[in-house]
Amino acid sequence: MLSRISILLLPLFFGLTNLQNHSIQTHIAVNKYDTVREPKMKLEETTVPDMIVLTIRDTAKTTNDIGPRLGADYGEIGAFMNKTGIAMANAPMAWYHTIGEPFIFSAGVAVNKEPAEKPTGRIELTKIPGGKAIVVRFWGPYELTAKAYLLITDWLKKNNKQADGAPYDIYVSDPSGKDPYDVQTDIYQKIR
């Protein structure tokens, strides 16, 4: 489940070309967690491929509602994938669009090909062009992912780069029954 701090910070970066302006707000929120065990983070430069992604835009009244909503959305996308015979190309993803309640987000699953049947209902087909990116490989509680976004902000400033579109999370490992510090989330930010 994603925390209020993570959810409040993630949207600050969406659609912005200058993430440095938000570094102070991020740092203030991150300092709230200085007394807990630090997450493990590794920032890498990478190239992301073109992706075909099935998405559902959804809302959650509170931060406690986000996890269950994401789960339901991934289930709905999975049912459509089974019906159309397409497969996952990566772990589940998410974008966060707002910073307050109600929270607006998009759940997504990258797929191996375009479905022969056009998505219906809440499911949309999105094509995301590939390109240069940075990724923070993050092991820790979702409540601390703001530290990964701060790392992205600092890297962009230090390397004189700009964000190219909204960042997104890929939930590499299932958090069910695991120590949160063993759960991996990769946070991607395309760059220019």
Protein backbone atom coordinates (compact mmCIF):
# COMPACT_ATOMS: atom_id res chain seq x y z
CA MET A 1 0.00 0.00 0.00
CA LEU A 2 1.29 3.47 -0.86
CA SER A 3 1.52 6.03 1.88
CA ARG A 4 0.16 9.53 2.00
CA ILE A 5 3.70 10.98 1.84
CA SER A 6 4.55 9.00 -1.31
CA ILE A 7 1.26 9.82 -2.97
CA LEU A 8 1.53 13.49 -2.13
CA LEU A 9 5.01 13.76 -3.60
CA LEU A 10 4.79 11.66 -6.74
CA PRO A 11 2.39 13.95 -8.58
CA LEU A 12 4.60 16.99 -8.03
CA PHE A 13 6.76 15.71 -10.83
CA PHE A 14 4.15 14.85 -13.45
CA GLY A 15 4.22 16.90 -16.58
CA LEU A 16 6.86 19.22 -15.22
CA THR A 17 10.02 20.04 -17.11
CA ASN A 18 11.89 21.47 -14.12
CA LEU A 19 11.79 19.12 -11.15
CA GLN A 20 14.34 21.15 -9.21
CA ASN A 21 11.65 23.61 -8.10
CA HIS A 22 10.11 20.91 -5.95
CA SER A 23 13.27 19.73 -4.21
CA ILE A 24 12.62 21.75 -1.03
CA GLN A 25 9.06 20.42 -0.60
CA THR A 26 10.28 16.87 -1.20
CA HIS A 27 13.12 17.27 1.30
CA ILE A 28 10.77 18.51 4.01
CA ALA A 29 8.50 15.48 3.58
CA VAL A 30 11.43 13.06 3.40
CA ASN A 31 12.90 14.34 6.68
CA LYS A 32 9.79 13.06 8.48
CA TYR A 33 11.17 9.53 7.98
CA ASP A 34 14.82 10.13 8.96
CA THR A 35 14.41 7.99 12.08
CA VAL A 36 13.51 4.80 10.19
CA ARG A 37 15.82 2.34 8.47
CA GLU A 38 17.02 3.77 5.20
CA PRO A 39 15.83 2.18 1.96
CA LYS A 40 18.38 0.84 -0.50
CA MET A 41 18.49 2.86 -3.73
CA LYS A 42 20.53 2.54 -6.90
CA LEU A 43 20.26 5.14 -9.68
CA GLU A 44 21.20 4.09 -13.20
CA GLU A 45 21.06 5.63 -16.64
CA THR A 46 19.19 3.43 -19.08
CA THR A 47 17.24 3.34 -22.30
CA VAL A 48 13.60 2.33 -22.13
CA PRO A 49 11.96 0.58 -25.09
CA ASP A 50 8.75 1.63 -26.79
CA MET A 51 5.86 0.23 -24.77
CA ILE A 52 2.27 -0.70 -25.43
CA VAL A 53 0.44 -0.22 -22.13
CA LEU A 54 -3.11 -0.99 -21.07
CA THR A 55 -4.19 1.58 -18.49
CA ILE A 56 -7.11 2.41 -16.26
CA ARG A 57 -7.45 5.90 -14.81
CA ASP A 58 -8.96 5.67 -11.35
CA THR A 59 -9.46 7.53 -8.10
CA ALA A 60 -9.05 6.69 -4.44
CA LYS A 61 -10.77 8.66 -1.72
CA THR A 62 -7.86 8.20 0.74
CA THR A 63 -4.32 6.79 0.66
CA ASN A 64 -5.65 3.61 2.30
CA ASP A 65 -7.87 3.07 -0.74
CA ILE A 66 -5.05 3.22 -3.31
CA GLY A 67 -3.69 -0.32 -2.88
CA PRO A 68 -7.10 -2.01 -3.17
CA ARG A 69 -8.02 0.16 -6.17
CA LEU A 70 -4.74 -0.67 -7.93
CA GLY A 71 -5.35 -4.36 -7.27
CA ALA A 72 -8.86 -4.19 -8.75
CA ASP A 73 -7.58 -2.24 -11.78
CA TYR A 74 -4.79 -4.76 -12.45
CA GLY A 75 -7.37 -7.54 -12.16
CA GLU A 76 -9.62 -5.85 -14.74
CA ILE A 77 -6.68 -5.35 -17.11
CA GLY A 78 -5.62 -8.99 -16.57
CA ALA A 79 -9.09 -10.26 -17.47
CA PHE A 80 -8.97 -8.29 -20.74
CA MET A 81 -5.48 -9.68 -21.46
CA ASN A 82 -6.69 -13.25 -20.89
CA LYS A 83 -9.70 -12.66 -23.12
CA THR A 84 -7.57 -11.29 -25.97
CA GLY A 85 -4.58 -13.62 -25.63
CA ILE A 86 -1.93 -11.01 -24.93
CA ALA A 87 0.76 -11.26 -22.27
CA MET A 88 2.48 -8.97 -19.81
CA ALA A 89 5.75 -7.47 -21.04
CA ASN A 90 6.73 -6.11 -17.62
CA ALA A 91 5.57 -5.85 -14.03
CA PRO A 92 2.54 -3.66 -13.16
CA MET A 93 3.04 0.11 -13.36
CA ALA A 94 1.42 3.28 -12.03
CA TRP A 95 1.38 7.03 -12.61
CA TYR A 96 0.05 9.46 -10.00
CA HIS A 97 -1.74 12.59 -11.24
CA THR A 98 -2.83 14.51 -8.13
CA ILE A 99 -1.38 15.51 -4.79
CA GLY A 100 -4.49 15.47 -2.65
CA GLU A 101 -7.66 13.62 -1.85
CA PRO A 102 -9.25 12.26 -3.87
CA PHE A 103 -6.14 10.77 -5.48
CA ILE A 104 -6.17 10.30 -9.23
CA PHE A 105 -3.82 7.73 -10.71
CA SER A 106 -3.39 5.39 -13.65
CA ALA A 107 -2.74 1.70 -13.21
CA GLY A 108 -0.95 0.15 -16.18
CA VAL A 109 0.39 -3.08 -17.58
CA ALA A 110 2.87 -3.14 -20.47
CA VAL A 111 1.87 -5.87 -22.94
CA ASN A 112 3.72 -7.84 -25.61
CA LYS A 113 1.56 -6.67 -28.53
CA GLU A 114 -1.45 -4.60 -29.43
CA PRO A 115 -4.65 -6.55 -28.79
CA ALA A 116 -6.65 -7.52 -31.87
CA GLU A 117 -9.75 -6.38 -30.02
CA LYS A 118 -10.04 -2.72 -29.04
CA PRO A 119 -10.19 -2.20 -25.26
CA THR A 120 -13.62 -1.32 -23.92
CA GLY A 121 -14.96 0.20 -20.74
CA ARG A 122 -12.35 1.80 -18.51
CA ILE A 123 -9.32 0.21 -20.20
CA GLU A 124 -7.34 2.37 -22.60
CA LEU A 125 -4.46 1.51 -24.91
CA THR A 126 -1.47 3.84 -24.57
CA LYS A 127 1.71 3.82 -26.64
CA ILE A 128 4.73 5.18 -24.84
CA PRO A 129 7.80 6.02 -26.93
CA GLY A 130 11.12 4.74 -25.68
CA GLY A 131 14.18 6.85 -25.02
CA LYS A 132 16.87 7.78 -22.57
CA ALA A 133 15.89 7.58 -18.92
CA ILE A 134 17.11 7.20 -15.41
CA VAL A 135 15.79 4.59 -13.04
CA VAL A 136 16.00 4.42 -9.29
CA ARG A 137 15.89 0.81 -8.16
CA PHE A 138 14.31 1.17 -4.73
CA TRP A 139 14.06 -1.45 -1.97
CA GLY A 140 11.96 -0.27 0.93
CA PRO A 141 8.49 0.70 2.13
CA TYR A 142 6.30 2.63 -0.28
CA GLU A 143 6.13 5.33 2.42
CA LEU A 144 9.78 6.16 1.68
CA THR A 145 9.67 6.38 -2.13
CA ALA A 146 9.83 10.16 -1.83
CA LYS A 147 13.56 9.64 -1.24
CA ALA A 148 13.83 8.10 -4.72
CA TYR A 149 12.08 11.11 -6.24
CA LEU A 150 14.48 13.42 -4.42
CA LEU A 151 17.38 11.41 -5.86
CA ILE A 152 15.90 11.87 -9.35
CA THR A 153 15.47 15.61 -8.78
CA ASP A 154 19.05 15.98 -7.57
CA TRP A 155 20.44 13.93 -10.47
CA LEU A 156 18.57 16.04 -13.05
CA LYS A 157 19.96 19.24 -11.54
CA LYS A 158 23.51 17.90 -11.19
CA ASN A 159 23.54 16.58 -14.78
CA ASN A 160 21.76 19.57 -16.35
CA LYS A 161 18.95 17.37 -17.71
CA GLN A 162 15.21 17.80 -17.87
CA ALA A 163 12.37 15.40 -17.28
CA ASP A 164 10.70 14.18 -20.47
CA GLY A 165 7.15 13.42 -19.40
CA ALA A 166 5.83 11.99 -16.18
CA PRO A 167 7.76 9.46 -14.09
CA TYR A 168 6.24 6.07 -13.43
CA ASP A 169 6.64 3.28 -10.93
CA ILE A 170 7.11 -0.36 -11.87
CA TYR A 171 6.24 -2.69 -9.02
CA VAL A 172 8.94 -5.33 -9.57
CA SER A 173 8.16 -7.51 -6.57
CA ASP A 174 4.92 -8.39 -4.84
CA PRO A 175 4.86 -6.95 -1.31
CA SER A 176 2.56 -9.67 0.06
CA GLY A 177 4.04 -11.16 3.23
CA LYS A 178 7.50 -9.68 2.69
CA ASP A 179 9.69 -7.41 4.74
CA PRO A 180 9.07 -4.03 3.07
CA TYR A 181 12.85 -3.59 2.70
CA ASP A 182 12.89 -6.63 0.39
CA VAL A 183 10.24 -5.14 -1.93
CA GLN A 184 11.59 -3.61 -5.15
CA THR A 185 9.99 -0.68 -6.95
CA ASP A 186 11.71 0.79 -10.00
CA ILE A 187 10.96 4.46 -10.57
CA TYR A 188 11.63 5.61 -14.13
CA GLN A 189 12.03 9.13 -15.40
CA LYS A 190 12.61 9.72 -19.10
CA ILE A 191 15.12 12.50 -19.73
CA ARG A 192 16.20 14.94 -22.41
